[in-house]
Amino acid sequence: MAERFAVSVGTVNAWLRLAPSGQRAPRRGGSGQAMLGGTDPAVLRNLVAEQNDATLAQYADRLAERTGGRRFDPSTLSRTLRRLGLLRRKRRCTPPSRPGRR
């Protein structure tokens, strides 16, 4: 049967396993885990409101201080900030050298 449809034997086995149940819809993907593993995202929102130009490492340090020592990776914080719709804006070291275009 695998040769007839030009698929692997594993694919045929999967089809046969799903045939009795009639399920043909794709399974739900993703882990569905909380953004910060149970930590309230409001804490991170407050950190961003206090200092919007901090680095992700600084946010990780401050979040660990406020949540009892649990440390999050900067990439986790970046994804969480994006999901919350929060943008980090870095301040310029110097003002722009010329005015903007009109």
C-alpha atoms as a PDB file:
ATOM      1  CA  MET A   1       0.000   0.000   0.000  1.00  0.00           C
ATOM      2  CA  ALA A   2       2.891   2.353   0.755  1.00  0.00           C
ATOM      3  CA  GLU A   3       4.346   1.790  -2.709  1.00  0.00           C
ATOM      4  CA  ARG A   4       0.979   2.335  -4.355  1.00  0.00           C
ATOM      5  CA  PHE A   5       0.610   5.827  -2.842  1.00  0.00           C
ATOM      6  CA  ALA A   6       4.353   6.594  -2.843  1.00  0.00           C
ATOM      7  CA  VAL A   7       4.481   7.199   0.911  1.00  0.00           C
ATOM      8  CA  SER A   8       6.459   5.662   3.738  1.00  0.00           C
ATOM      9  CA  VAL A   9       5.317   2.663   5.748  1.00  0.00           C
ATOM     10  CA  GLY A  10       5.089   4.919   8.814  1.00  0.00           C
ATOM     11  CA  THR A  11       2.563   7.130   7.033  1.00  0.00           C
ATOM     12  CA  VAL A  12       0.415   4.110   6.169  1.00  0.00           C
ATOM     13  CA  ASN A  13       0.575   2.952   9.791  1.00  0.00           C
ATOM     14  CA  ALA A  14      -0.525   6.399  10.972  1.00  0.00           C
ATOM     15  CA  TRP A  15      -3.447   6.361   8.521  1.00  0.00           C
ATOM     16  CA  LEU A  16      -4.526   2.933   9.709  1.00  0.00           C
ATOM     17  CA  ARG A  17      -4.276   3.999  13.341  1.00  0.00           C
ATOM     18  CA  LEU A  18      -6.519   7.039  12.712  1.00  0.00           C
ATOM     19  CA  ALA A  19      -9.010   5.281  10.415  1.00  0.00           C
ATOM     20  CA  PRO A  20     -11.211   3.695  13.149  1.00  0.00           C
ATOM     21  CA  SER A  21     -11.656   6.999  14.987  1.00  0.00           C
ATOM     22  CA  GLY A  22     -12.417   8.922  11.811  1.00  0.00           C
ATOM     23  CA  GLN A  23     -10.101  11.746  12.856  1.00  0.00           C
ATOM     24  CA  ARG A  24      -8.605  13.540   9.908  1.00  0.00           C
ATOM     25  CA  ALA A  25      -8.164  17.022  11.342  1.00  0.00           C
ATOM     26  CA  PRO A  26      -4.646  18.052  12.333  1.00  0.00           C
ATOM     27  CA  ARG A  27      -3.796  17.781  15.993  1.00  0.00           C
ATOM     28  CA  ARG A  28      -3.467  20.914  18.069  1.00  0.00           C
ATOM     29  CA  GLY A  29       0.080  22.245  17.956  1.00  0.00           C
ATOM     30  CA  GLY A  30       2.150  24.178  20.420  1.00  0.00           C
ATOM     31  CA  SER A  31       2.826  23.591  24.059  1.00  0.00           C
ATOM     32  CA  GLY A  32       0.199  25.976  25.420  1.00  0.00           C
ATOM     33  CA  GLN A  33       2.479  26.901  28.297  1.00  0.00           C
ATOM     34  CA  ALA A  34       2.127  30.187  30.099  1.00  0.00           C
ATOM     35  CA  MET A  35       4.376  33.004  28.901  1.00  0.00           C
ATOM     36  CA  LEU A  36       6.352  33.306  32.130  1.00  0.00           C
ATOM     37  CA  GLY A  37       5.676  29.937  33.698  1.00  0.00           C
ATOM     38  CA  GLY A  38       3.039  31.135  36.152  1.00  0.00           C
ATOM     39  CA  THR A  39       4.619  34.507  36.907  1.00  0.00           C
ATOM     40  CA  ASP A  40       2.156  37.367  36.514  1.00  0.00           C
ATOM     41  CA  PRO A  41       2.869  39.302  33.279  1.00  0.00           C
ATOM     42  CA  ALA A  42       1.794  42.494  35.096  1.00  0.00           C
ATOM     43  CA  VAL A  43       5.147  42.432  36.913  1.00  0.00           C
ATOM     44  CA  LEU A  44       6.961  42.626  33.574  1.00  0.00           C
ATOM     45  CA  ARG A  45       4.572  45.350  32.376  1.00  0.00           C
ATOM     46  CA  ASN A  46       5.445  47.406  35.466  1.00  0.00           C
ATOM     47  CA  LEU A  47       9.173  46.945  34.852  1.00  0.00           C
ATOM     48  CA  VAL A  48       8.811  48.214  31.293  1.00  0.00           C
ATOM     49  CA  ALA A  49       6.695  51.153  32.483  1.00  0.00           C
ATOM     50  CA  GLU A  50       9.373  52.105  35.028  1.00  0.00           C
ATOM     51  CA  GLN A  51      12.296  51.949  32.620  1.00  0.00           C
ATOM     52  CA  ASN A  52      11.465  51.428  28.974  1.00  0.00           C
ATOM     53  CA  ASP A  53      15.065  51.516  27.731  1.00  0.00           C
ATOM     54  CA  ALA A  54      16.483  48.695  29.877  1.00  0.00           C
ATOM     55  CA  THR A  55      18.141  45.710  28.231  1.00  0.00           C
ATOM     56  CA  LEU A  56      16.578  42.261  28.299  1.00  0.00           C
ATOM     57  CA  ALA A  57      19.294  41.123  30.723  1.00  0.00           C
ATOM     58  CA  GLN A  58      18.395  43.995  33.055  1.00  0.00           C
ATOM     59  CA  TYR A  59      14.719  43.043  32.867  1.00  0.00           C
ATOM     60  CA  ALA A  60      15.687  39.448  33.688  1.00  0.00           C
ATOM     61  CA  ASP A  61      17.634  40.588  36.770  1.00  0.00           C
ATOM     62  CA  ARG A  62      14.845  42.864  38.015  1.00  0.00           C
ATOM     63  CA  LEU A  63      12.165  40.259  37.370  1.00  0.00           C
ATOM     64  CA  ALA A  64      14.197  37.735  39.382  1.00  0.00           C
ATOM     65  CA  GLU A  65      14.408  40.218  42.270  1.00  0.00           C
ATOM     66  CA  ARG A  66      10.658  40.807  42.270  1.00  0.00           C
ATOM     67  CA  THR A  67       9.531  37.213  41.808  1.00  0.00           C
ATOM     68  CA  GLY A  68      11.658  35.476  44.392  1.00  0.00           C
ATOM     69  CA  GLY A  69      14.748  34.594  42.402  1.00  0.00           C
ATOM     70  CA  ARG A  70      13.314  32.786  39.382  1.00  0.00           C
ATOM     71  CA  ARG A  71      15.465  33.807  36.423  1.00  0.00           C
ATOM     72  CA  PHE A  72      14.152  33.959  32.859  1.00  0.00           C
ATOM     73  CA  ASP A  73      16.228  33.878  29.716  1.00  0.00           C
ATOM     74  CA  PRO A  74      16.314  37.153  27.753  1.00  0.00           C
ATOM     75  CA  SER A  75      14.846  35.392  24.702  1.00  0.00           C
ATOM     76  CA  THR A  76      11.841  34.334  26.809  1.00  0.00           C
ATOM     77  CA  LEU A  77      11.368  37.924  27.927  1.00  0.00           C
ATOM     78  CA  SER A  78      11.639  39.139  24.333  1.00  0.00           C
ATOM     79  CA  ARG A  79       8.883  36.758  23.180  1.00  0.00           C
ATOM     80  CA  THR A  80       6.719  37.687  26.171  1.00  0.00           C
ATOM     81  CA  LEU A  81       7.121  41.415  25.534  1.00  0.00           C
ATOM     82  CA  ARG A  82       6.134  40.877  21.908  1.00  0.00           C
ATOM     83  CA  ARG A  83       3.045  38.849  22.909  1.00  0.00           C
ATOM     84  CA  LEU A  84       2.023  41.549  25.389  1.00  0.00           C
ATOM     85  CA  GLY A  85       2.381  44.193  22.690  1.00  0.00           C
ATOM     86  CA  LEU A  86       5.108  46.044  24.602  1.00  0.00           C
ATOM     87  CA  LEU A  87       7.899  47.710  22.661  1.00  0.00           C
ATOM     88  CA  ARG A  88      11.274  48.505  24.112  1.00  0.00           C
ATOM     89  CA  ARG A  89      12.550  51.867  22.942  1.00  0.00           C
ATOM     90  CA  LYS A  90      16.202  52.657  23.408  1.00  0.00           C
ATOM     91  CA  ARG A  91      17.139  56.271  24.086  1.00  0.00           C
ATOM     92  CA  ARG A  92      19.623  57.920  21.767  1.00  0.00           C
ATOM     93  CA  CYS A  93      23.021  58.786  23.185  1.00  0.00           C
ATOM     94  CA  THR A  94      23.003  62.091  21.306  1.00  0.00           C
ATOM     95  CA  PRO A  95      20.265  64.090  19.621  1.00  0.00           C
ATOM     96  CA  PRO A  96      19.828  63.652  15.865  1.00  0.00           C
ATOM     97  CA  SER A  97      22.391  65.585  13.835  1.00  0.00           C
ATOM     98  CA  ARG A  98      19.807  67.155  11.532  1.00  0.00           C
ATOM     99  CA  PRO A  99      16.059  67.678  11.595  1.00  0.00           C
ATOM    100  CA  GLY A 100      13.783  65.093  10.027  1.00  0.00           C
ATOM    101  CA  ARG A 101      12.305  65.340   6.563  1.00  0.00           C
ATOM    102  CA  ARG A 102       9.014  67.042   5.933  1.00  0.00           C
END
